[in-house]
């Protein structure tokens, strides 16, 4: 997704002395805030193997993979589900299921 790059020779990054990488990493990911809730997404068998390579979750008897993602932003959750089309389904919370349905309604039946 990068179309071009240019090295800035005279630029130097300044890292504050109090910065700690451990302070921003949670479960191997950089998170700015602690999530107070999660979104549970079921990934269908057609994509489960690839999701399982990068996420922790539980395998379903049908070959699906269920993941509890930290939920910091509802819009992120909607995008996360929609990028996988019918191979991803929100299990909970209900407001995210509804947000996905609303977005699909806007896409396919704009008024």
PDB file of N, CA and C in Angstrom:
ATOM      1  N   UNK A   1       0.800  -1.196   0.000  1.00  0.00           N
ATOM      2  CA  UNK A   1       0.000   0.000   0.000  1.00  0.00           C
ATOM      3  C   UNK A   1       0.846   1.265   0.000  1.00  0.00           C
ATOM      4  N   UNK A   2       2.141   1.120  -0.028  1.00  0.00           N
ATOM      5  CA  UNK A   2       3.032   2.279  -0.084  1.00  0.00           C
ATOM      6  C   UNK A   2       3.395   2.511  -1.542  1.00  0.00           C
ATOM      7  N   UNK A   3       3.173   3.734  -2.030  1.00  0.00           N
ATOM      8  CA  UNK A   3       3.459   4.016  -3.434  1.00  0.00           C
ATOM      9  C   UNK A   3       4.894   4.514  -3.642  1.00  0.00           C
ATOM     10  N   UNK A   4       5.478   5.201  -2.668  1.00  0.00           N
ATOM     11  CA  UNK A   4       6.872   5.600  -2.739  1.00  0.00           C
ATOM     12  C   UNK A   4       7.360   5.984  -1.354  1.00  0.00           C
ATOM     13  N   UNK A   5       8.690   6.062  -1.221  1.00  0.00           N
ATOM     14  CA  UNK A   5       9.281   6.401   0.061  1.00  0.00           C
ATOM     15  C   UNK A   5      10.520   7.264  -0.188  1.00  0.00           C
ATOM     16  N   UNK A   6      10.831   8.141   0.761  1.00  0.00           N
ATOM     17  CA  UNK A   6      12.006   8.991   0.660  1.00  0.00           C
ATOM     18  C   UNK A   6      12.671   9.026   2.032  1.00  0.00           C
ATOM     19  N   UNK A   7      13.966   8.791   2.080  1.00  0.00           N
ATOM     20  CA  UNK A   7      14.718   8.824   3.328  1.00  0.00           C
ATOM     21  C   UNK A   7      15.023  10.273   3.670  1.00  0.00           C
ATOM     22  N   UNK A   8      14.728  10.673   4.885  1.00  0.00           N
ATOM     23  CA  UNK A   8      15.023  12.022   5.361  1.00  0.00           C
ATOM     24  C   UNK A   8      16.341  11.965   6.127  1.00  0.00           C
ATOM     25  N   UNK A   9      17.393  12.377   5.485  1.00  0.00           N
ATOM     26  CA  UNK A   9      18.745  12.272   6.046  1.00  0.00           C
ATOM     27  C   UNK A   9      18.938  13.091   7.317  1.00  0.00           C
ATOM     28  N   UNK A  10      18.346  14.273   7.367  1.00  0.00           N
ATOM     29  CA  UNK A  10      18.610  15.184   8.477  1.00  0.00           C
ATOM     30  C   UNK A  10      17.606  15.073   9.615  1.00  0.00           C
ATOM     31  N   UNK A  11      16.818  14.019   9.629  1.00  0.00           N
ATOM     32  CA  UNK A  11      15.809  13.855  10.663  1.00  0.00           C
ATOM     33  C   UNK A  11      16.287  12.829  11.681  1.00  0.00           C
ATOM     34  N   UNK A  12      16.103  13.132  12.948  1.00  0.00           N
ATOM     35  CA  UNK A  12      16.478  12.201  13.999  1.00  0.00           C
ATOM     36  C   UNK A  12      15.306  12.024  14.947  1.00  0.00           C
ATOM     37  N   UNK A  13      14.956  10.792  15.206  1.00  0.00           N
ATOM     38  CA  UNK A  13      13.865  10.509  16.139  1.00  0.00           C
ATOM     39  C   UNK A  13      14.361  10.719  17.562  1.00  0.00           C
ATOM     40  N   UNK A  14      13.550  11.371  18.355  1.00  0.00           N
ATOM     41  CA  UNK A  14      13.877  11.588  19.760  1.00  0.00           C
ATOM     42  C   UNK A  14      12.917  10.755  20.595  1.00  0.00           C
ATOM     43  N   UNK A  15      13.459   9.798  21.302  1.00  0.00           N
ATOM     44  CA  UNK A  15      12.658   8.925  22.153  1.00  0.00           C
ATOM     45  C   UNK A  15      12.805   9.403  23.587  1.00  0.00           C
ATOM     46  N   UNK A  16      11.686   9.784  24.224  1.00  0.00           N
ATOM     47  CA  UNK A  16      11.768  10.268  25.610  1.00  0.00           C
ATOM     48  C   UNK A  16      12.349   9.203  26.532  1.00  0.00           C
ATOM     49  N   UNK A  17      13.101   9.625  27.528  1.00  0.00           N
ATOM     50  CA  UNK A  17      13.723   8.696  28.473  1.00  0.00           C
ATOM     51  C   UNK A  17      12.698   7.834  29.202  1.00  0.00           C
ATOM     52  N   UNK A  18      11.496   8.385  29.438  1.00  0.00           N
ATOM     53  CA  UNK A  18      10.478   7.647  30.184  1.00  0.00           C
ATOM     54  C   UNK A  18       9.701   6.660  29.315  1.00  0.00           C
ATOM     55  N   UNK A  19       9.955   6.639  28.002  1.00  0.00           N
ATOM     56  CA  UNK A  19       9.224   5.734  27.115  1.00  0.00           C
ATOM     57  C   UNK A  19       9.604   4.284  27.403  1.00  0.00           C
ATOM     58  N   UNK A  20       8.591   3.420  27.433  1.00  0.00           N
ATOM     59  CA  UNK A  20       8.803   1.994  27.635  1.00  0.00           C
ATOM     60  C   UNK A  20       7.956   1.229  26.624  1.00  0.00           C
ATOM     61  N   UNK A  21       8.584   0.412  25.818  1.00  0.00           N
ATOM     62  CA  UNK A  21       7.838  -0.390  24.855  1.00  0.00           C
ATOM     63  C   UNK A  21       6.878  -1.322  25.574  1.00  0.00           C
ATOM     64  N   UNK A  22       7.299  -1.868  26.697  1.00  0.00           N
ATOM     65  CA  UNK A  22       6.412  -2.738  27.479  1.00  0.00           C
ATOM     66  C   UNK A  22       5.162  -1.990  27.942  1.00  0.00           C
ATOM     67  N   UNK A  23       5.274  -0.682  28.088  1.00  0.00           N
ATOM     68  CA  UNK A  23       4.146   0.120  28.532  1.00  0.00           C
ATOM     69  C   UNK A  23       3.052   0.279  27.482  1.00  0.00           C
ATOM     70  N   UNK A  24       3.386   0.084  26.210  1.00  0.00           N
ATOM     71  CA  UNK A  24       2.382   0.221  25.145  1.00  0.00           C
ATOM     72  C   UNK A  24       2.012  -1.109  24.507  1.00  0.00           C
ATOM     73  N   UNK A  25       2.705  -2.161  24.860  1.00  0.00           N
ATOM     74  CA  UNK A  25       2.409  -3.473  24.283  1.00  0.00           C
ATOM     75  C   UNK A  25       1.516  -4.270  25.228  1.00  0.00           C
ATOM     76  N   UNK A  26       0.450  -4.821  24.671  1.00  0.00           N
ATOM     77  CA  UNK A  26      -0.449  -5.681  25.428  1.00  0.00           C
ATOM     78  C   UNK A  26      -0.754  -6.891  24.565  1.00  0.00           C
ATOM     79  N   UNK A  27      -0.445  -8.055  25.063  1.00  0.00           N
ATOM     80  CA  UNK A  27      -0.694  -9.297  24.328  1.00  0.00           C
ATOM     81  C   UNK A  27      -0.016  -9.277  22.962  1.00  0.00           C
ATOM     82  N   UNK A  28       1.189  -8.704  22.917  1.00  0.00           N
ATOM     83  CA  UNK A  28       1.944  -8.672  21.675  1.00  0.00           C
ATOM     84  C   UNK A  28       1.489  -7.629  20.679  1.00  0.00           C
ATOM     85  N   UNK A  29       0.637  -6.710  21.082  1.00  0.00           N
ATOM     86  CA  UNK A  29       0.122  -5.676  20.191  1.00  0.00           C
ATOM     87  C   UNK A  29       0.242  -4.312  20.857  1.00  0.00           C
ATOM     88  N   UNK A  30       0.427  -3.315  20.019  1.00  0.00           N
ATOM     89  CA  UNK A  30       0.500  -1.950  20.531  1.00  0.00           C
ATOM     90  C   UNK A  30      -0.904  -1.411  20.731  1.00  0.00           C
ATOM     91  N   UNK A  31      -1.242  -1.111  21.970  1.00  0.00           N
ATOM     92  CA  UNK A  31      -2.549  -0.545  22.293  1.00  0.00           C
ATOM     93  C   UNK A  31      -2.342   0.731  23.093  1.00  0.00           C
ATOM     94  N   UNK A  32      -3.093   1.751  22.727  1.00  0.00           N
ATOM     95  CA  UNK A  32      -2.954   3.022  23.418  1.00  0.00           C
ATOM     96  C   UNK A  32      -3.710   3.032  24.745  1.00  0.00           C
ATOM     97  N   UNK A  33      -4.781   2.290  24.828  1.00  0.00           N
ATOM     98  CA  UNK A  33      -5.617   2.281  26.034  1.00  0.00           C
ATOM     99  C   UNK A  33      -5.967   0.851  26.400  1.00  0.00           C
ATOM    100  N   UNK A  34      -6.363   0.669  27.621  1.00  0.00           N
ATOM    101  CA  UNK A  34      -6.855  -0.631  28.081  1.00  0.00           C
ATOM    102  C   UNK A  34      -8.305  -0.761  27.646  1.00  0.00           C
ATOM    103  N   UNK A  35      -8.626  -1.852  26.973  1.00  0.00           N
ATOM    104  CA  UNK A  35     -10.004  -2.080  26.539  1.00  0.00           C
ATOM    105  C   UNK A  35     -10.844  -2.496  27.738  1.00  0.00           C
ATOM    106  N   UNK A  36     -12.008  -1.881  27.875  1.00  0.00           N
ATOM    107  CA  UNK A  36     -12.892  -2.232  28.982  1.00  0.00           C
ATOM    108  C   UNK A  36     -13.868  -3.339  28.600  1.00  0.00           C
ATOM    109  N   UNK A  37     -13.960  -3.618  27.296  1.00  0.00           N
ATOM    110  CA  UNK A  37     -14.826  -4.699  26.841  1.00  0.00           C
ATOM    111  C   UNK A  37     -14.206  -5.343  25.609  1.00  0.00           C
ATOM    112  N   UNK A  38     -14.852  -6.388  25.121  1.00  0.00           N
ATOM    113  CA  UNK A  38     -14.330  -7.083  23.953  1.00  0.00           C
ATOM    114  C   UNK A  38     -15.452  -7.328  22.958  1.00  0.00           C
ATOM    115  N   UNK A  39     -15.048  -7.639  21.731  1.00  0.00           N
ATOM    116  CA  UNK A  39     -15.987  -8.041  20.692  1.00  0.00           C
ATOM    117  C   UNK A  39     -15.636  -9.481  20.334  1.00  0.00           C
ATOM    118  N   UNK A  40     -16.637 -10.333  20.309  1.00  0.00           N
ATOM    119  CA  UNK A  40     -16.441 -11.741  19.994  1.00  0.00           C
ATOM    120  C   UNK A  40     -16.832 -11.954  18.532  1.00  0.00           C
ATOM    121  N   UNK A  41     -15.872 -12.417  17.737  1.00  0.00           N
ATOM    122  CA  UNK A  41     -16.107 -12.632  16.308  1.00  0.00           C
ATOM    123  C   UNK A  41     -15.830 -14.086  15.966  1.00  0.00           C
ATOM    124  N   UNK A  42     -16.769 -14.679  15.243  1.00  0.00           N
ATOM    125  CA  UNK A  42     -16.621 -16.051  14.741  1.00  0.00           C
ATOM    126  C   UNK A  42     -16.162 -15.963  13.299  1.00  0.00           C
ATOM    127  N   UNK A  43     -14.980 -16.527  13.036  1.00  0.00           N
ATOM    128  CA  UNK A  43     -14.428 -16.575  11.681  1.00  0.00           C
ATOM    129  C   UNK A  43     -14.718 -17.958  11.113  1.00  0.00           C
ATOM    130  N   UNK A  44     -15.332 -17.987   9.956  1.00  0.00           N
ATOM    131  CA  UNK A  44     -15.735 -19.245   9.349  1.00  0.00           C
ATOM    132  C   UNK A  44     -14.560 -20.107   8.931  1.00  0.00           C
ATOM    133  N   UNK A  45     -14.828 -21.377   8.643  1.00  0.00           N
ATOM    134  CA  UNK A  45     -13.784 -22.331   8.282  1.00  0.00           C
ATOM    135  C   UNK A  45     -12.927 -21.897   7.086  1.00  0.00           C
ATOM    136  N   UNK A  46     -13.494 -21.119   6.181  1.00  0.00           N
ATOM    137  CA  UNK A  46     -12.734 -20.707   4.987  1.00  0.00           C
ATOM    138  C   UNK A  46     -11.566 -19.786   5.312  1.00  0.00           C
ATOM    139  N   UNK A  47     -11.609 -19.072   6.437  1.00  0.00           N
ATOM    140  CA  UNK A  47     -10.518 -18.158   6.803  1.00  0.00           C
ATOM    141  C   UNK A  47      -9.926 -18.447   8.178  1.00  0.00           C
ATOM    142  N   UNK A  48     -10.495 -19.407   8.885  1.00  0.00           N
ATOM    143  CA  UNK A  48     -10.096 -19.665  10.276  1.00  0.00           C
ATOM    144  C   UNK A  48      -8.603 -19.926  10.424  1.00  0.00           C
ATOM    145  N   UNK A  49      -8.035 -20.670   9.514  1.00  0.00           N
ATOM    146  CA  UNK A  49      -6.621 -21.022   9.623  1.00  0.00           C
ATOM    147  C   UNK A  49      -5.740 -19.773   9.626  1.00  0.00           C
ATOM    148  N   UNK A  50      -6.071 -18.800   8.775  1.00  0.00           N
ATOM    149  CA  UNK A  50      -5.250 -17.589   8.689  1.00  0.00           C
ATOM    150  C   UNK A  50      -5.460 -16.691   9.898  1.00  0.00           C
ATOM    151  N   UNK A  51      -6.667 -16.645  10.402  1.00  0.00           N
ATOM    152  CA  UNK A  51      -6.922 -15.848  11.605  1.00  0.00           C
ATOM    153  C   UNK A  51      -6.166 -16.453  12.790  1.00  0.00           C
ATOM    154  N   UNK A  52      -6.175 -17.776  12.890  1.00  0.00           N
ATOM    155  CA  UNK A  52      -5.521 -18.468  14.007  1.00  0.00           C
ATOM    156  C   UNK A  52      -4.008 -18.271  14.011  1.00  0.00           C
ATOM    157  N   UNK A  53      -3.421 -17.927  12.878  1.00  0.00           N
ATOM    158  CA  UNK A  53      -1.973 -17.678  12.831  1.00  0.00           C
ATOM    159  C   UNK A  53      -1.593 -16.433  13.619  1.00  0.00           C
ATOM    160  N   UNK A  54      -2.532 -15.486  13.763  1.00  0.00           N
ATOM    161  CA  UNK A  54      -2.215 -14.203  14.398  1.00  0.00           C
ATOM    162  C   UNK A  54      -3.024 -13.893  15.646  1.00  0.00           C
ATOM    163  N   UNK A  55      -3.999 -14.718  15.949  1.00  0.00           N
ATOM    164  CA  UNK A  55      -4.888 -14.437  17.072  1.00  0.00           C
ATOM    165  C   UNK A  55      -4.992 -15.646  17.991  1.00  0.00           C
ATOM    166  N   UNK A  56      -5.357 -15.381  19.229  1.00  0.00           N
ATOM    167  CA  UNK A  56      -5.677 -16.448  20.171  1.00  0.00           C
ATOM    168  C   UNK A  56      -7.193 -16.619  20.160  1.00  0.00           C
ATOM    169  N   UNK A  57      -7.649 -17.848  20.203  1.00  0.00           N
ATOM    170  CA  UNK A  57      -9.081 -18.080  20.188  1.00  0.00           C
ATOM    171  C   UNK A  57      -9.396 -19.545  20.405  1.00  0.00           C
ATOM    172  N   UNK A  58     -10.626 -19.910  20.072  1.00  0.00           N
ATOM    173  CA  UNK A  58     -11.075 -21.289  20.254  1.00  0.00           C
ATOM    174  C   UNK A  58     -11.597 -21.836  18.932  1.00  0.00           C
ATOM    175  N   UNK A  59     -11.215 -23.072  18.645  1.00  0.00           N
ATOM    176  CA  UNK A  59     -11.682 -23.744  17.443  1.00  0.00           C
ATOM    177  C   UNK A  59     -13.076 -24.302  17.666  1.00  0.00           C
ATOM    178  N   UNK A  60     -13.931 -24.165  16.677  1.00  0.00           N
ATOM    179  CA  UNK A  60     -15.257 -24.760  16.723  1.00  0.00           C
ATOM    180  C   UNK A  60     -15.231 -26.119  16.054  1.00  0.00           C
ATOM    181  N   UNK A  61     -16.201 -26.957  16.367  1.00  0.00           N
ATOM    182  CA  UNK A  61     -16.281 -28.299  15.784  1.00  0.00           C
ATOM    183  C   UNK A  61     -16.426 -28.242  14.267  1.00  0.00           C
ATOM    184  N   UNK A  62     -16.971 -27.139  13.749  1.00  0.00           N
ATOM    185  CA  UNK A  62     -17.181 -26.992  12.308  1.00  0.00           C
ATOM    186  C   UNK A  62     -15.972 -26.402  11.583  1.00  0.00           C
ATOM    187  N   UNK A  63     -14.858 -26.176  12.313  1.00  0.00           N
ATOM    188  CA  UNK A  63     -13.653 -25.604  11.710  1.00  0.00           C
ATOM    189  C   UNK A  63     -13.590 -24.093  11.807  1.00  0.00           C
ATOM    190  N   UNK A  64     -14.573 -23.490  12.464  1.00  0.00           N
ATOM    191  CA  UNK A  64     -14.544 -22.039  12.663  1.00  0.00           C
ATOM    192  C   UNK A  64     -13.565 -21.704  13.790  1.00  0.00           C
ATOM    193  N   UNK A  65     -13.254 -20.422  13.925  1.00  0.00           N
ATOM    194  CA  UNK A  65     -12.333 -19.958  14.956  1.00  0.00           C
ATOM    195  C   UNK A  65     -12.947 -18.726  15.595  1.00  0.00           C
ATOM    196  N   UNK A  66     -13.136 -18.746  16.910  1.00  0.00           N
ATOM    197  CA  UNK A  66     -13.789 -17.650  17.628  1.00  0.00           C
ATOM    198  C   UNK A  66     -12.745 -16.880  18.421  1.00  0.00           C
ATOM    199  N   UNK A  67     -12.751 -15.550  18.236  1.00  0.00           N
ATOM    200  CA  UNK A  67     -11.759 -14.686  18.870  1.00  0.00           C
ATOM    201  C   UNK A  67     -12.464 -13.593  19.676  1.00  0.00           C
ATOM    202  N   UNK A  68     -11.952 -13.333  20.870  1.00  0.00           N
ATOM    203  CA  UNK A  68     -12.378 -12.197  21.689  1.00  0.00           C
ATOM    204  C   UNK A  68     -11.350 -11.094  21.486  1.00  0.00           C
ATOM    205  N   UNK A  69     -11.696 -10.099  20.669  1.00  0.00           N
ATOM    206  CA  UNK A  69     -10.793  -8.972  20.407  1.00  0.00           C
ATOM    207  C   UNK A  69     -11.043  -7.872  21.431  1.00  0.00           C
ATOM    208  N   UNK A  70      -9.993  -7.175  21.885  1.00  0.00           N
ATOM    209  CA  UNK A  70     -10.224  -5.994  22.716  1.00  0.00           C
ATOM    210  C   UNK A  70     -11.018  -4.985  21.891  1.00  0.00           C
ATOM    211  N   UNK A  71     -12.006  -4.361  22.487  1.00  0.00           N
ATOM    212  CA  UNK A  71     -12.856  -3.421  21.766  1.00  0.00           C
ATOM    213  C   UNK A  71     -12.582  -2.009  22.249  1.00  0.00           C
ATOM    214  N   UNK A  72     -11.743  -1.299  21.493  1.00  0.00           N
ATOM    215  CA  UNK A  72     -11.423   0.082  21.814  1.00  0.00           C
ATOM    216  C   UNK A  72     -12.255   1.045  20.981  1.00  0.00           C
ATOM    217  N   UNK A  73     -12.772   0.559  19.838  1.00  0.00           N
ATOM    218  CA  UNK A  73     -13.479   1.436  18.919  1.00  0.00           C
ATOM    219  C   UNK A  73     -14.516   0.621  18.142  1.00  0.00           C
ATOM    220  N   UNK A  74     -15.779   1.000  18.232  1.00  0.00           N
ATOM    221  CA  UNK A  74     -16.837   0.264  17.547  1.00  0.00           C
ATOM    222  C   UNK A  74     -16.644   0.270  16.033  1.00  0.00           C
ATOM    223  N   UNK A  75     -16.165   1.387  15.487  1.00  0.00           N
ATOM    224  CA  UNK A  75     -15.966   1.473  14.026  1.00  0.00           C
ATOM    225  C   UNK A  75     -14.909   0.473  13.565  1.00  0.00           C
ATOM    226  N   UNK A  76     -13.871   0.287  14.381  1.00  0.00           N
ATOM    227  CA  UNK A  76     -12.862  -0.718  14.036  1.00  0.00           C
ATOM    228  C   UNK A  76     -13.505  -2.100  13.952  1.00  0.00           C
ATOM    229  N   UNK A  77     -14.353  -2.433  14.908  1.00  0.00           N
ATOM    230  CA  UNK A  77     -14.990  -3.750  14.935  1.00  0.00           C
ATOM    231  C   UNK A  77     -15.834  -3.971  13.682  1.00  0.00           C
ATOM    232  N   UNK A  78     -16.564  -2.956  13.264  1.00  0.00           N
ATOM    233  CA  UNK A  78     -17.381  -3.074  12.046  1.00  0.00           C
ATOM    234  C   UNK A  78     -16.478  -3.330  10.843  1.00  0.00           C
ATOM    235  N   UNK A  79     -15.403  -2.570  10.720  1.00  0.00           N
ATOM    236  CA  UNK A  79     -14.467  -2.778   9.594  1.00  0.00           C
ATOM    237  C   UNK A  79     -13.831  -4.161   9.648  1.00  0.00           C
ATOM    238  N   UNK A  80     -13.484  -4.609  10.849  1.00  0.00           N
ATOM    239  CA  UNK A  80     -12.861  -5.920  11.016  1.00  0.00           C
ATOM    240  C   UNK A  80     -13.768  -7.019  10.473  1.00  0.00           C
ATOM    241  N   UNK A  81     -15.052  -6.941  10.777  1.00  0.00           N
ATOM    242  CA  UNK A  81     -16.001  -7.959  10.325  1.00  0.00           C
ATOM    243  C   UNK A  81     -16.244  -7.839   8.823  1.00  0.00           C
ATOM    244  N   UNK A  82     -16.489  -6.622   8.356  1.00  0.00           N
ATOM    245  CA  UNK A  82     -16.844  -6.451   6.941  1.00  0.00           C
ATOM    246  C   UNK A  82     -15.721  -6.828   5.987  1.00  0.00           C
ATOM    247  N   UNK A  83     -14.478  -6.703   6.425  1.00  0.00           N
ATOM    248  CA  UNK A  83     -13.387  -7.045   5.505  1.00  0.00           C
ATOM    249  C   UNK A  83     -13.370  -8.528   5.152  1.00  0.00           C
ATOM    250  N   UNK A  84     -14.009  -9.357   5.964  1.00  0.00           N
ATOM    251  CA  UNK A  84     -14.040 -10.790   5.704  1.00  0.00           C
ATOM    252  C   UNK A  84     -15.377 -11.244   5.118  1.00  0.00           C
ATOM    253  N   UNK A  85     -16.271 -10.307   4.849  1.00  0.00           N
ATOM    254  CA  UNK A  85     -17.555 -10.636   4.230  1.00  0.00           C
ATOM    255  C   UNK A  85     -18.314 -11.667   5.043  1.00  0.00           C
ATOM    256  N   UNK A  86     -18.930 -12.623   4.348  1.00  0.00           N
ATOM    257  CA  UNK A  86     -19.763 -13.603   5.059  1.00  0.00           C
ATOM    258  C   UNK A  86     -18.960 -14.610   5.888  1.00  0.00           C
ATOM    259  N   UNK A  87     -17.629 -14.533   5.837  1.00  0.00           N
ATOM    260  CA  UNK A  87     -16.805 -15.468   6.609  1.00  0.00           C
ATOM    261  C   UNK A  87     -16.595 -15.011   8.046  1.00  0.00           C
ATOM    262  N   UNK A  88     -17.130 -13.842   8.412  1.00  0.00           N
ATOM    263  CA  UNK A  88     -16.994 -13.353   9.792  1.00  0.00           C
ATOM    264  C   UNK A  88     -18.356 -12.946  10.325  1.00  0.00           C
ATOM    265  N   UNK A  89     -18.589 -13.246  11.592  1.00  0.00           N
ATOM    266  CA  UNK A  89     -19.880 -12.937  12.221  1.00  0.00           C
ATOM    267  C   UNK A  89     -19.633 -12.442  13.641  1.00  0.00           C
ATOM    268  N   UNK A  90     -20.277 -11.349  13.991  1.00  0.00           N
ATOM    269  CA  UNK A  90     -20.198 -10.845  15.363  1.00  0.00           C
ATOM    270  C   UNK A  90     -21.072 -11.721  16.249  1.00  0.00           C
ATOM    271  N   UNK A  91     -20.471 -12.264  17.291  1.00  0.00           N
ATOM    272  CA  UNK A  91     -21.214 -13.058  18.274  1.00  0.00           C
ATOM    273  C   UNK A  91     -21.760 -12.118  19.352  1.00  0.00           C
ATOM    274  N   UNK A  92     -20.929 -11.192  19.807  1.00  0.00           N
ATOM    275  CA  UNK A  92     -21.347 -10.204  20.800  1.00  0.00           C
ATOM    276  C   UNK A  92     -20.330  -9.064  20.806  1.00  0.00           C
ATOM    277  N   UNK A  93     -20.699  -7.905  21.277  1.00  0.00           N
ATOM    278  CA  UNK A  93     -21.980  -7.484  21.811  1.00  0.00           C
ATOM    279  C   UNK A  93     -22.989  -7.172  20.695  1.00  0.00           C
ATOM    280  N   UNK A  94     -24.251  -7.139  21.080  1.00  0.00           N
ATOM    281  CA  UNK A  94     -25.346  -6.936  20.129  1.00  0.00           C
ATOM    282  C   UNK A  94     -25.230  -5.608  19.385  1.00  0.00           C
ATOM    283  N   UNK A  95     -24.734  -4.565  20.041  1.00  0.00           N
ATOM    284  CA  UNK A  95     -24.661  -3.263  19.363  1.00  0.00           C
ATOM    285  C   UNK A  95     -23.701  -3.310  18.179  1.00  0.00           C
ATOM    286  N   UNK A  96     -22.663  -4.167  18.253  1.00  0.00           N
ATOM    287  CA  UNK A  96     -21.735  -4.287  17.121  1.00  0.00           C
ATOM    288  C   UNK A  96     -22.402  -5.088  16.001  1.00  0.00           C
ATOM    289  N   UNK A  97     -23.143  -6.131  16.353  1.00  0.00           N
ATOM    290  CA  UNK A  97     -23.922  -6.865  15.335  1.00  0.00           C
ATOM    291  C   UNK A  97     -24.847  -5.904  14.604  1.00  0.00           C
ATOM    292  N   UNK A  98     -25.521  -5.047  15.372  1.00  0.00           N
ATOM    293  CA  UNK A  98     -26.451  -4.092  14.769  1.00  0.00           C
ATOM    294  C   UNK A  98     -25.708  -3.062  13.921  1.00  0.00           C
ATOM    295  N   UNK A  99     -24.548  -2.621  14.370  1.00  0.00           N
ATOM    296  CA  UNK A  99     -23.761  -1.649  13.600  1.00  0.00           C
ATOM    297  C   UNK A  99     -23.321  -2.240  12.257  1.00  0.00           C
ATOM    298  N   UNK A 100     -22.960  -3.513  12.247  1.00  0.00           N
ATOM    299  CA  UNK A 100     -22.602  -4.186  10.984  1.00  0.00           C
ATOM    300  C   UNK A 100     -23.820  -4.243  10.070  1.00  0.00           C
ATOM    301  N   UNK A 101     -24.964  -4.625  10.618  1.00  0.00           N
ATOM    302  CA  UNK A 101     -26.199  -4.689   9.821  1.00  0.00           C
ATOM    303  C   UNK A 101     -26.564  -3.314   9.269  1.00  0.00           C
ATOM    304  N   UNK A 102     -26.429  -2.288  10.096  1.00  0.00           N
ATOM    305  CA  UNK A 102     -26.733  -0.921   9.655  1.00  0.00           C
ATOM    306  C   UNK A 102     -25.809  -0.495   8.518  1.00  0.00           C
ATOM    307  N   UNK A 103     -24.523  -0.801   8.645  1.00  0.00           N
ATOM    308  CA  UNK A 103     -23.566  -0.423   7.597  1.00  0.00           C
ATOM    309  C   UNK A 103     -23.884  -1.140   6.297  1.00  0.00           C
ATOM    310  N   UNK A 104     -24.205  -2.415   6.378  1.00  0.00           N
ATOM    311  CA  UNK A 104     -24.569  -3.162   5.174  1.00  0.00           C
ATOM    312  C   UNK A 104     -25.839  -2.596   4.546  1.00  0.00           C
ATOM    313  N   UNK A 105     -26.788  -2.218   5.370  1.00  0.00           N
ATOM    314  CA  UNK A 105     -28.017  -1.614   4.873  1.00  0.00           C
ATOM    315  C   UNK A 105     -27.698  -0.318   4.122  1.00  0.00           C
ATOM    316  N   UNK A 106     -26.811   0.500   4.679  1.00  0.00           N
ATOM    317  CA  UNK A 106     -26.425   1.747   4.024  1.00  0.00           C
ATOM    318  C   UNK A 106     -25.731   1.503   2.696  1.00  0.00           C
ATOM    319  N   UNK A 107     -24.929   0.450   2.628  1.00  0.00           N
ATOM    320  CA  UNK A 107     -24.196   0.126   1.404  1.00  0.00           C
ATOM    321  C   UNK A 107     -25.138  -0.366   0.311  1.00  0.00           C
ATOM    322  N   UNK A 108     -26.029  -1.264   0.672  1.00  0.00           N
ATOM    323  CA  UNK A 108     -26.849  -1.917  -0.337  1.00  0.00           C
ATOM    324  C   UNK A 108     -28.203  -1.263  -0.573  1.00  0.00           C
ATOM    325  N   UNK A 109     -28.639  -0.430   0.350  1.00  0.00           N
ATOM    326  CA  UNK A 109     -29.919   0.268   0.172  1.00  0.00           C
ATOM    327  C   UNK A 109     -29.773   1.728   0.608  1.00  0.00           C
ATOM    328  N   UNK A 110     -28.908   2.469  -0.068  1.00  0.00           N
ATOM    329  CA  UNK A 110     -28.732   3.868   0.341  1.00  0.00           C
ATOM    330  C   UNK A 110     -30.015   4.662   0.060  1.00  0.00           C
ATOM    331  N   UNK A 111     -30.323   5.563   0.955  1.00  0.00           N
ATOM    332  CA  UNK A 111     -31.538   6.374   0.774  1.00  0.00           C
ATOM    333  C   UNK A 111     -31.207   7.833   0.706  1.00  0.00           C
TER     334      UNK A 111
END
